[in-house]
Amino acid sequence: MRIAAIATAAVLLVLFVLGRLFDTMMFHPEPGAQLRPEQVGVEGRDVAITTEDGVRIHAFFLPSPGATRALLFLHGNAGNASHRLPNAAALMRTGAHVLLLDYRGYGLSEGNATEDGVYADARAGLSWLESDAGIPEARIVVFGRSLGGAVAVDLVRGREIAGLILESTFASAGAIARRIFGPLGAFAARGRFESDRKIAELRAPLLFFHGDRDEIVAFELGQRLFEAAPEPKAFETIRGAGHNDTVEIGGRAYFERIARFIDEVAPEPAGS
């Protein structure tokens, strides 16, 4: 009995350590703003948004002249929103306003990142687009990259969003942990960022992108999430791309595909 107790305690300790390690892997925020919209050739402004739990978060709003639709950009787990300004500026040129969030604890936002916290941040961003920018939910496309994809799935489920773009994202945190730490890692990360469980609740059209050489979120993990998703959906493989170079490798065709998707799910009125 003593040996069994020691073994159980050892397993629990390993699970605890793996869980803490995984927590530190999930969020890598960088404070401040290293880029400004004018440095990437677009007009934009800073906005302050207060979440439902009272945290003040920062975002960049990039208006697209004449647009009646918007894109909510939810970035990955490292850096801050300013690092994504070049990408957001290119997305704005597809003919949609872009709101680029700093999650809590990132960039110019207050607080500390947690799973529930970043979900609340995304809800606050969507609410700001509706109330302050005047864009109805049915005219908003959500774009989630890597960790932001898991945040986006949680946000969009059950909503009448125009469309959802998921790039380089994963089925669940447990699936990522399994590849890094094995079965014990998967057990330690159970219940976290479970997009594969939530995605069946989506009502919005889906567009997936994934590099076939992704060294961080394996290509098959993106495919697994795609398989779990309801129709209508499409999966675009970016040949030769890893995790952090999808935009560069995808090039013009990548942005053209996004523009077509936005035009399909939230077309501009004739004559606008």
C-alpha atoms as a PDB file:
ATOM      1  CA  MET A   1       0.000   0.000   0.000  1.00  0.00           C
ATOM      2  CA  ARG A   2       2.875   2.347   0.779  1.00  0.00           C
ATOM      3  CA  ILE A   3       4.420   1.710  -2.650  1.00  0.00           C
ATOM      4  CA  ALA A   4       1.076   2.371  -4.312  1.00  0.00           C
ATOM      5  CA  ALA A   5       0.684   5.612  -2.360  1.00  0.00           C
ATOM      6  CA  ILE A   6       4.177   6.757  -3.339  1.00  0.00           C
ATOM      7  CA  ALA A   7       3.509   5.877  -6.984  1.00  0.00           C
ATOM      8  CA  THR A   8       0.224   7.786  -6.945  1.00  0.00           C
ATOM      9  CA  ALA A   9       1.879  10.803  -5.362  1.00  0.00           C
ATOM     10  CA  ALA A  10       4.651  10.679  -7.957  1.00  0.00           C
ATOM     11  CA  VAL A  11       2.145  10.583 -10.829  1.00  0.00           C
ATOM     12  CA  LEU A  12       0.189  13.492  -9.342  1.00  0.00           C
ATOM     13  CA  LEU A  13       3.401  15.478  -8.974  1.00  0.00           C
ATOM     14  CA  VAL A  14       4.350  14.796 -12.591  1.00  0.00           C
ATOM     15  CA  LEU A  15       0.880  15.855 -13.738  1.00  0.00           C
ATOM     16  CA  PHE A  16       1.117  19.029 -11.684  1.00  0.00           C
ATOM     17  CA  VAL A  17       4.545  19.894 -13.093  1.00  0.00           C
ATOM     18  CA  LEU A  18       3.425  19.144 -16.655  1.00  0.00           C
ATOM     19  CA  GLY A  19       0.324  21.264 -16.157  1.00  0.00           C
ATOM     20  CA  ARG A  20       2.395  24.203 -14.939  1.00  0.00           C
ATOM     21  CA  LEU A  21       4.852  23.772 -17.806  1.00  0.00           C
ATOM     22  CA  PHE A  22       2.004  23.771 -20.272  1.00  0.00           C
ATOM     23  CA  ASP A  23       0.534  26.912 -18.715  1.00  0.00           C
ATOM     24  CA  THR A  24       3.832  28.742 -19.235  1.00  0.00           C
ATOM     25  CA  MET A  25       3.900  27.550 -22.854  1.00  0.00           C
ATOM     26  CA  MET A  26       0.420  28.826 -23.671  1.00  0.00           C
ATOM     27  CA  PHE A  27       1.042  32.527 -23.097  1.00  0.00           C
ATOM     28  CA  HIS A  28       4.181  34.486 -24.030  1.00  0.00           C
ATOM     29  CA  PRO A  29       3.116  38.150 -23.865  1.00  0.00           C
ATOM     30  CA  GLU A  30       5.385  41.076 -24.695  1.00  0.00           C
ATOM     31  CA  PRO A  31       4.522  44.500 -23.268  1.00  0.00           C
ATOM     32  CA  GLY A  32       4.250  47.729 -25.217  1.00  0.00           C
ATOM     33  CA  ALA A  33       3.776  48.435 -28.909  1.00  0.00           C
ATOM     34  CA  GLN A  34       6.792  48.097 -31.149  1.00  0.00           C
ATOM     35  CA  LEU A  35       4.917  49.225 -34.284  1.00  0.00           C
ATOM     36  CA  ARG A  36       2.278  51.828 -35.035  1.00  0.00           C
ATOM     37  CA  PRO A  37      -0.292  51.786 -37.874  1.00  0.00           C
ATOM     38  CA  GLU A  38       1.395  54.684 -39.687  1.00  0.00           C
ATOM     39  CA  GLN A  39       4.633  52.692 -39.771  1.00  0.00           C
ATOM     40  CA  VAL A  40       2.931  50.048 -41.914  1.00  0.00           C
ATOM     41  CA  GLY A  41       1.315  52.601 -44.206  1.00  0.00           C
ATOM     42  CA  VAL A  42      -2.251  52.733 -42.907  1.00  0.00           C
ATOM     43  CA  GLU A  43      -4.407  54.973 -40.774  1.00  0.00           C
ATOM     44  CA  GLY A  44      -5.450  53.531 -37.470  1.00  0.00           C
ATOM     45  CA  ARG A  45      -6.232  54.424 -33.918  1.00  0.00           C
ATOM     46  CA  ASP A  46      -5.889  52.965 -30.458  1.00  0.00           C
ATOM     47  CA  VAL A  47      -9.068  51.970 -28.681  1.00  0.00           C
ATOM     48  CA  ALA A  48      -9.609  51.048 -25.049  1.00  0.00           C
ATOM     49  CA  ILE A  49     -12.176  48.357 -24.297  1.00  0.00           C
ATOM     50  CA  THR A  50     -13.395  47.241 -20.895  1.00  0.00           C
ATOM     51  CA  THR A  51     -14.235  43.556 -20.610  1.00  0.00           C
ATOM     52  CA  GLU A  52     -17.176  42.047 -18.750  1.00  0.00           C
ATOM     53  CA  ASP A  53     -14.888  41.320 -15.769  1.00  0.00           C
ATOM     54  CA  GLY A  54     -13.574  44.875 -15.628  1.00  0.00           C
ATOM     55  CA  VAL A  55     -10.196  44.492 -17.368  1.00  0.00           C
ATOM     56  CA  ARG A  56      -9.129  47.353 -19.643  1.00  0.00           C
ATOM     57  CA  ILE A  57      -7.684  45.987 -22.879  1.00  0.00           C
ATOM     58  CA  HIS A  58      -6.124  47.705 -25.878  1.00  0.00           C
ATOM     59  CA  ALA A  59      -6.779  47.260 -29.577  1.00  0.00           C
ATOM     60  CA  PHE A  60      -5.851  48.857 -32.882  1.00  0.00           C
ATOM     61  CA  PHE A  61      -8.766  49.811 -35.125  1.00  0.00           C
ATOM     62  CA  LEU A  62      -7.851  50.039 -38.808  1.00  0.00           C
ATOM     63  CA  PRO A  63     -10.756  51.526 -40.815  1.00  0.00           C
ATOM     64  CA  SER A  64     -11.189  50.584 -44.465  1.00  0.00           C
ATOM     65  CA  PRO A  65     -12.769  53.520 -46.340  1.00  0.00           C
ATOM     66  CA  GLY A  66     -16.364  52.813 -47.342  1.00  0.00           C
ATOM     67  CA  ALA A  67     -16.475  49.341 -45.779  1.00  0.00           C
ATOM     68  CA  THR A  68     -19.661  48.050 -44.164  1.00  0.00           C
ATOM     69  CA  ARG A  69     -18.077  44.898 -42.755  1.00  0.00           C
ATOM     70  CA  ALA A  70     -15.313  44.168 -40.267  1.00  0.00           C
ATOM     71  CA  LEU A  71     -12.753  41.564 -39.326  1.00  0.00           C
ATOM     72  CA  LEU A  72     -11.866  40.772 -35.704  1.00  0.00           C
ATOM     73  CA  PHE A  73      -8.224  39.595 -35.610  1.00  0.00           C
ATOM     74  CA  LEU A  74      -7.282  37.282 -32.716  1.00  0.00           C
ATOM     75  CA  HIS A  75      -3.531  36.662 -32.685  1.00  0.00           C
ATOM     76  CA  GLY A  76      -1.349  33.830 -31.413  1.00  0.00           C
ATOM     77  CA  ASN A  77       0.255  33.237 -28.037  1.00  0.00           C
ATOM     78  CA  ALA A  78       3.460  35.281 -28.318  1.00  0.00           C
ATOM     79  CA  GLY A  79       4.370  38.954 -28.675  1.00  0.00           C
ATOM     80  CA  ASN A  80       1.574  41.514 -28.887  1.00  0.00           C
ATOM     81  CA  ALA A  81      -0.900  43.069 -31.303  1.00  0.00           C
ATOM     82  CA  SER A  82       1.586  45.549 -32.767  1.00  0.00           C
ATOM     83  CA  HIS A  83       3.653  42.683 -34.185  1.00  0.00           C
ATOM     84  CA  ARG A  84       0.610  41.741 -36.307  1.00  0.00           C
ATOM     85  CA  LEU A  85       0.022  45.206 -37.733  1.00  0.00           C
ATOM     86  CA  PRO A  86       1.592  44.417 -41.143  1.00  0.00           C
ATOM     87  CA  ASN A  87      -0.712  41.389 -41.468  1.00  0.00           C
ATOM     88  CA  ALA A  88      -3.730  43.361 -40.228  1.00  0.00           C
ATOM     89  CA  ALA A  89      -2.995  46.202 -42.671  1.00  0.00           C
ATOM     90  CA  ALA A  90      -2.985  43.742 -45.573  1.00  0.00           C
ATOM     91  CA  LEU A  91      -6.281  42.250 -44.361  1.00  0.00           C
ATOM     92  CA  MET A  92      -7.809  45.736 -44.111  1.00  0.00           C
ATOM     93  CA  ARG A  93      -7.029  46.213 -47.799  1.00  0.00           C
ATOM     94  CA  THR A  94      -9.444  43.373 -48.616  1.00  0.00           C
ATOM     95  CA  GLY A  95     -12.224  45.881 -47.925  1.00  0.00           C
ATOM     96  CA  ALA A  96     -13.019  45.330 -44.256  1.00  0.00           C
ATOM     97  CA  HIS A  97     -12.371  47.318 -41.114  1.00  0.00           C
ATOM     98  CA  VAL A  98      -9.971  45.441 -38.827  1.00  0.00           C
ATOM     99  CA  LEU A  99      -9.959  45.344 -35.031  1.00  0.00           C
ATOM    100  CA  LEU A 100      -6.682  43.870 -33.765  1.00  0.00           C
ATOM    101  CA  LEU A 101      -6.805  42.973 -30.060  1.00  0.00           C
ATOM    102  CA  ASP A 102      -4.120  42.854 -27.401  1.00  0.00           C
ATOM    103  CA  TYR A 103      -5.252  40.111 -25.021  1.00  0.00           C
ATOM    104  CA  ARG A 104      -5.065  40.935 -21.324  1.00  0.00           C
ATOM    105  CA  GLY A 105      -1.434  40.907 -20.226  1.00  0.00           C
ATOM    106  CA  TYR A 106      -0.269  41.575 -23.791  1.00  0.00           C
ATOM    107  CA  GLY A 107       0.946  44.792 -25.383  1.00  0.00           C
ATOM    108  CA  LEU A 108      -0.858  47.790 -23.906  1.00  0.00           C
ATOM    109  CA  SER A 109      -3.561  45.815 -22.091  1.00  0.00           C
ATOM    110  CA  GLU A 110      -3.963  45.398 -18.363  1.00  0.00           C
ATOM    111  CA  GLY A 111      -4.191  42.110 -16.466  1.00  0.00           C
ATOM    112  CA  ASN A 112      -2.753  38.639 -16.876  1.00  0.00           C
ATOM    113  CA  ALA A 113      -3.663  36.125 -19.553  1.00  0.00           C
ATOM    114  CA  THR A 114      -5.764  33.086 -18.691  1.00  0.00           C
ATOM    115  CA  GLU A 115      -7.938  30.856 -20.842  1.00  0.00           C
ATOM    116  CA  ASP A 116     -11.192  32.315 -19.524  1.00  0.00           C
ATOM    117  CA  GLY A 117      -9.691  35.792 -19.678  1.00  0.00           C
ATOM    118  CA  VAL A 118      -8.765  35.717 -23.363  1.00  0.00           C
ATOM    119  CA  TYR A 119     -12.230  34.379 -24.163  1.00  0.00           C
ATOM    120  CA  ALA A 120     -13.693  37.402 -22.357  1.00  0.00           C
ATOM    121  CA  ASP A 121     -11.327  39.701 -24.285  1.00  0.00           C
ATOM    122  CA  ALA A 122     -12.598  38.338 -27.602  1.00  0.00           C
ATOM    123  CA  ARG A 123     -16.221  38.853 -26.544  1.00  0.00           C
ATOM    124  CA  ALA A 124     -15.384  42.442 -25.592  1.00  0.00           C
ATOM    125  CA  GLY A 125     -13.763  43.039 -28.992  1.00  0.00           C
ATOM    126  CA  LEU A 126     -16.820  41.713 -30.816  1.00  0.00           C
ATOM    127  CA  SER A 127     -19.100  43.858 -28.674  1.00  0.00           C
ATOM    128  CA  TRP A 128     -16.988  46.958 -29.450  1.00  0.00           C
ATOM    129  CA  LEU A 129     -17.297  46.369 -33.185  1.00  0.00           C
ATOM    130  CA  GLU A 130     -21.065  46.195 -32.831  1.00  0.00           C
ATOM    131  CA  SER A 131     -21.618  49.071 -30.400  1.00  0.00           C
ATOM    132  CA  ASP A 132     -18.835  51.522 -31.251  1.00  0.00           C
ATOM    133  CA  ALA A 133     -18.023  50.781 -34.888  1.00  0.00           C
ATOM    134  CA  GLY A 134     -21.673  50.086 -35.761  1.00  0.00           C
ATOM    135  CA  ILE A 135     -21.005  46.778 -37.530  1.00  0.00           C
ATOM    136  CA  PRO A 136     -23.713  44.145 -36.942  1.00  0.00           C
ATOM    137  CA  GLU A 137     -22.641  40.649 -35.958  1.00  0.00           C
ATOM    138  CA  ALA A 138     -23.788  39.235 -39.298  1.00  0.00           C
ATOM    139  CA  ARG A 139     -21.262  41.545 -41.054  1.00  0.00           C
ATOM    140  CA  ILE A 140     -18.272  40.517 -38.933  1.00  0.00           C
ATOM    141  CA  VAL A 141     -15.689  37.900 -39.900  1.00  0.00           C
ATOM    142  CA  VAL A 142     -13.513  36.531 -37.101  1.00  0.00           C
ATOM    143  CA  PHE A 143      -9.901  35.592 -37.886  1.00  0.00           C
ATOM    144  CA  GLY A 144      -8.081  33.410 -35.365  1.00  0.00           C
ATOM    145  CA  ARG A 145      -4.440  32.455 -35.768  1.00  0.00           C
ATOM    146  CA  SER A 146      -2.775  29.630 -33.774  1.00  0.00           C
ATOM    147  CA  LEU A 147      -3.939  30.106 -30.160  1.00  0.00           C
ATOM    148  CA  GLY A 148      -6.251  32.809 -31.488  1.00  0.00           C
ATOM    149  CA  GLY A 149      -8.036  30.095 -33.446  1.00  0.00           C
ATOM    150  CA  ALA A 150      -9.059  28.403 -30.206  1.00  0.00           C
ATOM    151  CA  VAL A 151     -10.221  31.768 -28.860  1.00  0.00           C
ATOM    152  CA  ALA A 152     -12.171  32.369 -32.077  1.00  0.00           C
ATOM    153  CA  VAL A 153     -13.949  29.005 -31.943  1.00  0.00           C
ATOM    154  CA  ASP A 154     -15.076  29.693 -28.395  1.00  0.00           C
ATOM    155  CA  LEU A 155     -16.292  33.158 -29.395  1.00  0.00           C
ATOM    156  CA  VAL A 156     -18.192  32.192 -32.523  1.00  0.00           C
ATOM    157  CA  ARG A 157     -20.062  29.095 -31.333  1.00  0.00           C
ATOM    158  CA  GLY A 158     -23.787  29.689 -31.300  1.00  0.00           C
ATOM    159  CA  ARG A 159     -23.470  33.139 -32.910  1.00  0.00           C
ATOM    160  CA  GLU A 160     -24.677  34.408 -36.281  1.00  0.00           C
ATOM    161  CA  ILE A 161     -21.232  35.620 -37.344  1.00  0.00           C
ATOM    162  CA  ALA A 162     -20.645  36.140 -41.077  1.00  0.00           C
ATOM    163  CA  GLY A 163     -17.662  33.797 -41.212  1.00  0.00           C
ATOM    164  CA  LEU A 164     -14.664  32.361 -39.384  1.00  0.00           C
ATOM    165  CA  ILE A 165     -11.081  32.013 -40.636  1.00  0.00           C
ATOM    166  CA  LEU A 166      -8.819  29.654 -38.704  1.00  0.00           C
ATOM    167  CA  GLU A 167      -5.108  29.591 -39.450  1.00  0.00           C
ATOM    168  CA  SER A 168      -2.451  27.240 -38.059  1.00  0.00           C
ATOM    169  CA  THR A 169      -4.658  26.255 -35.151  1.00  0.00           C
ATOM    170  CA  PHE A 170      -5.186  23.028 -33.228  1.00  0.00           C
ATOM    171  CA  ALA A 171      -7.881  20.608 -32.160  1.00  0.00           C
ATOM    172  CA  SER A 172      -7.211  20.940 -28.414  1.00  0.00           C
ATOM    173  CA  ALA A 173      -4.505  21.825 -25.929  1.00  0.00           C
ATOM    174  CA  GLY A 174      -4.423  18.162 -24.951  1.00  0.00           C
ATOM    175  CA  ALA A 175      -3.501  17.170 -28.506  1.00  0.00           C
ATOM    176  CA  ILE A 176      -0.583  19.637 -28.456  1.00  0.00           C
ATOM    177  CA  ALA A 177       0.540  18.441 -25.025  1.00  0.00           C
ATOM    178  CA  ARG A 178       0.436  14.812 -26.138  1.00  0.00           C
ATOM    179  CA  ARG A 179       2.898  15.524 -28.942  1.00  0.00           C
ATOM    180  CA  ILE A 180       5.274  17.312 -26.556  1.00  0.00           C
ATOM    181  CA  PHE A 181       4.929  15.425 -23.276  1.00  0.00           C
ATOM    182  CA  GLY A 182       3.188  12.172 -24.214  1.00  0.00           C
ATOM    183  CA  PRO A 183       0.004  10.713 -22.676  1.00  0.00           C
ATOM    184  CA  LEU A 184       0.631  12.231 -19.243  1.00  0.00           C
ATOM    185  CA  GLY A 185       0.919  15.651 -20.857  1.00  0.00           C
ATOM    186  CA  ALA A 186      -2.390  15.127 -22.641  1.00  0.00           C
ATOM    187  CA  PHE A 187      -4.005  14.195 -19.336  1.00  0.00           C
ATOM    188  CA  ALA A 188      -2.515  17.255 -17.604  1.00  0.00           C
ATOM    189  CA  ALA A 189      -3.890  19.561 -20.333  1.00  0.00           C
ATOM    190  CA  ARG A 190      -7.324  17.946 -20.483  1.00  0.00           C
ATOM    191  CA  GLY A 191     -10.238  20.345 -20.651  1.00  0.00           C
ATOM    192  CA  ARG A 192      -8.180  23.251 -22.010  1.00  0.00           C
ATOM    193  CA  PHE A 193      -8.840  25.014 -25.311  1.00  0.00           C
ATOM    194  CA  GLU A 194     -11.043  22.148 -26.528  1.00  0.00           C
ATOM    195  CA  SER A 195     -11.895  23.482 -29.978  1.00  0.00           C
ATOM    196  CA  ASP A 196     -12.658  20.009 -31.333  1.00  0.00           C
ATOM    197  CA  ARG A 197     -15.490  19.721 -28.802  1.00  0.00           C
ATOM    198  CA  LYS A 198     -16.847  23.247 -29.378  1.00  0.00           C
ATOM    199  CA  ILE A 199     -16.602  23.522 -33.142  1.00  0.00           C
ATOM    200  CA  ALA A 200     -19.740  21.472 -33.811  1.00  0.00           C
ATOM    201  CA  GLU A 201     -21.732  24.396 -32.343  1.00  0.00           C
ATOM    202  CA  LEU A 202     -20.590  26.783 -35.076  1.00  0.00           C
ATOM    203  CA  ARG A 203     -23.134  28.178 -37.526  1.00  0.00           C
ATOM    204  CA  ALA A 204     -20.712  30.288 -39.567  1.00  0.00           C
ATOM    205  CA  PRO A 205     -18.946  29.308 -42.814  1.00  0.00           C
ATOM    206  CA  LEU A 206     -15.356  28.247 -42.147  1.00  0.00           C
ATOM    207  CA  LEU A 207     -12.084  28.771 -43.982  1.00  0.00           C
ATOM    208  CA  PHE A 208      -8.966  26.965 -42.727  1.00  0.00           C
ATOM    209  CA  PHE A 209      -5.318  27.651 -43.575  1.00  0.00           C
ATOM    210  CA  HIS A 210      -2.404  25.486 -42.469  1.00  0.00           C
ATOM    211  CA  GLY A 211       1.213  25.111 -43.550  1.00  0.00           C
ATOM    212  CA  ASP A 212       2.169  21.539 -44.381  1.00  0.00           C
ATOM    213  CA  ARG A 213       5.549  22.028 -42.655  1.00  0.00           C
ATOM    214  CA  ASP A 214       4.176  23.521 -39.454  1.00  0.00           C
ATOM    215  CA  GLU A 215       6.706  22.667 -36.757  1.00  0.00           C
ATOM    216  CA  ILE A 216       4.639  23.974 -33.808  1.00  0.00           C
ATOM    217  CA  VAL A 217       1.039  22.985 -34.559  1.00  0.00           C
ATOM    218  CA  ALA A 218       1.360  19.868 -36.683  1.00  0.00           C
ATOM    219  CA  PHE A 219      -0.527  19.846 -39.966  1.00  0.00           C
ATOM    220  CA  GLU A 220      -2.585  16.835 -38.897  1.00  0.00           C
ATOM    221  CA  LEU A 221      -3.865  18.695 -35.818  1.00  0.00           C
ATOM    222  CA  GLY A 222      -5.320  21.366 -38.087  1.00  0.00           C
ATOM    223  CA  GLN A 223      -6.842  18.662 -40.284  1.00  0.00           C
ATOM    224  CA  ARG A 224      -8.351  16.988 -37.231  1.00  0.00           C
ATOM    225  CA  LEU A 225     -10.132  20.204 -36.277  1.00  0.00           C
ATOM    226  CA  PHE A 226     -11.328  20.651 -39.860  1.00  0.00           C
ATOM    227  CA  GLU A 227     -12.792  17.142 -39.872  1.00  0.00           C
ATOM    228  CA  ALA A 228     -14.721  17.916 -36.678  1.00  0.00           C
ATOM    229  CA  ALA A 229     -16.140  21.158 -38.115  1.00  0.00           C
ATOM    230  CA  PRO A 230     -19.611  21.446 -39.653  1.00  0.00           C
ATOM    231  CA  GLU A 231     -20.237  22.521 -43.237  1.00  0.00           C
ATOM    232  CA  PRO A 232     -19.828  24.835 -45.046  1.00  0.00           C
ATOM    233  CA  LYS A 233     -16.054  24.679 -44.742  1.00  0.00           C
ATOM    234  CA  ALA A 234     -12.893  24.740 -46.833  1.00  0.00           C
ATOM    235  CA  PHE A 235      -9.282  23.808 -46.070  1.00  0.00           C
ATOM    236  CA  GLU A 236      -6.358  25.535 -47.807  1.00  0.00           C
ATOM    237  CA  THR A 237      -2.931  23.924 -47.509  1.00  0.00           C
ATOM    238  CA  ILE A 238      -0.032  26.378 -47.758  1.00  0.00           C
ATOM    239  CA  ARG A 239       2.664  24.246 -49.356  1.00  0.00           C
ATOM    240  CA  GLY A 240       6.101  24.675 -47.842  1.00  0.00           C
ATOM    241  CA  ALA A 241       4.939  26.909 -44.987  1.00  0.00           C
ATOM    242  CA  GLY A 242       5.779  26.407 -41.337  1.00  0.00           C
ATOM    243  CA  HIS A 243       3.979  27.976 -38.395  1.00  0.00           C
ATOM    244  CA  ASN A 244       5.188  31.561 -38.638  1.00  0.00           C
ATOM    245  CA  ASP A 245       5.634  32.139 -42.380  1.00  0.00           C
ATOM    246  CA  THR A 246       2.196  31.368 -43.797  1.00  0.00           C
ATOM    247  CA  VAL A 247       1.692  34.971 -44.931  1.00  0.00           C
ATOM    248  CA  GLU A 248       5.065  35.145 -46.688  1.00  0.00           C
ATOM    249  CA  ILE A 249       4.796  31.708 -48.303  1.00  0.00           C
ATOM    250  CA  GLY A 250       1.109  32.103 -49.120  1.00  0.00           C
ATOM    251  CA  GLY A 251       1.745  35.453 -50.777  1.00  0.00           C
ATOM    252  CA  ARG A 252      -0.795  37.062 -53.064  1.00  0.00           C
ATOM    253  CA  ALA A 253      -2.877  33.906 -53.434  1.00  0.00           C
ATOM    254  CA  TYR A 254      -3.334  33.765 -49.660  1.00  0.00           C
ATOM    255  CA  PHE A 255      -4.846  37.258 -49.481  1.00  0.00           C
ATOM    256  CA  GLU A 256      -6.921  36.715 -52.614  1.00  0.00           C
ATOM    257  CA  ARG A 257      -8.452  33.623 -51.011  1.00  0.00           C
ATOM    258  CA  ILE A 258      -9.285  35.564 -47.861  1.00  0.00           C
ATOM    259  CA  ALA A 259     -10.805  38.401 -49.904  1.00  0.00           C
ATOM    260  CA  ARG A 260     -12.996  35.927 -51.819  1.00  0.00           C
ATOM    261  CA  PHE A 261     -14.183  34.385 -48.579  1.00  0.00           C
ATOM    262  CA  ILE A 262     -15.079  37.770 -47.076  1.00  0.00           C
ATOM    263  CA  ASP A 263     -16.913  38.732 -50.281  1.00  0.00           C
ATOM    264  CA  GLU A 264     -18.871  35.466 -50.151  1.00  0.00           C
ATOM    265  CA  VAL A 265     -19.953  35.639 -46.518  1.00  0.00           C
ATOM    266  CA  ALA A 266     -20.337  39.419 -46.134  1.00  0.00           C
ATOM    267  CA  PRO A 267     -20.721  40.936 -49.627  1.00  0.00           C
ATOM    268  CA  GLU A 268     -20.753  44.704 -49.914  1.00  0.00           C
ATOM    269  CA  PRO A 269     -24.118  46.110 -51.089  1.00  0.00           C
ATOM    270  CA  ALA A 270     -24.326  46.823 -54.812  1.00  0.00           C
ATOM    271  CA  GLY A 271     -23.133  50.307 -55.645  1.00  0.00           C
ATOM    272  CA  SER A 272     -21.327  50.817 -52.336  1.00  0.00           C
END
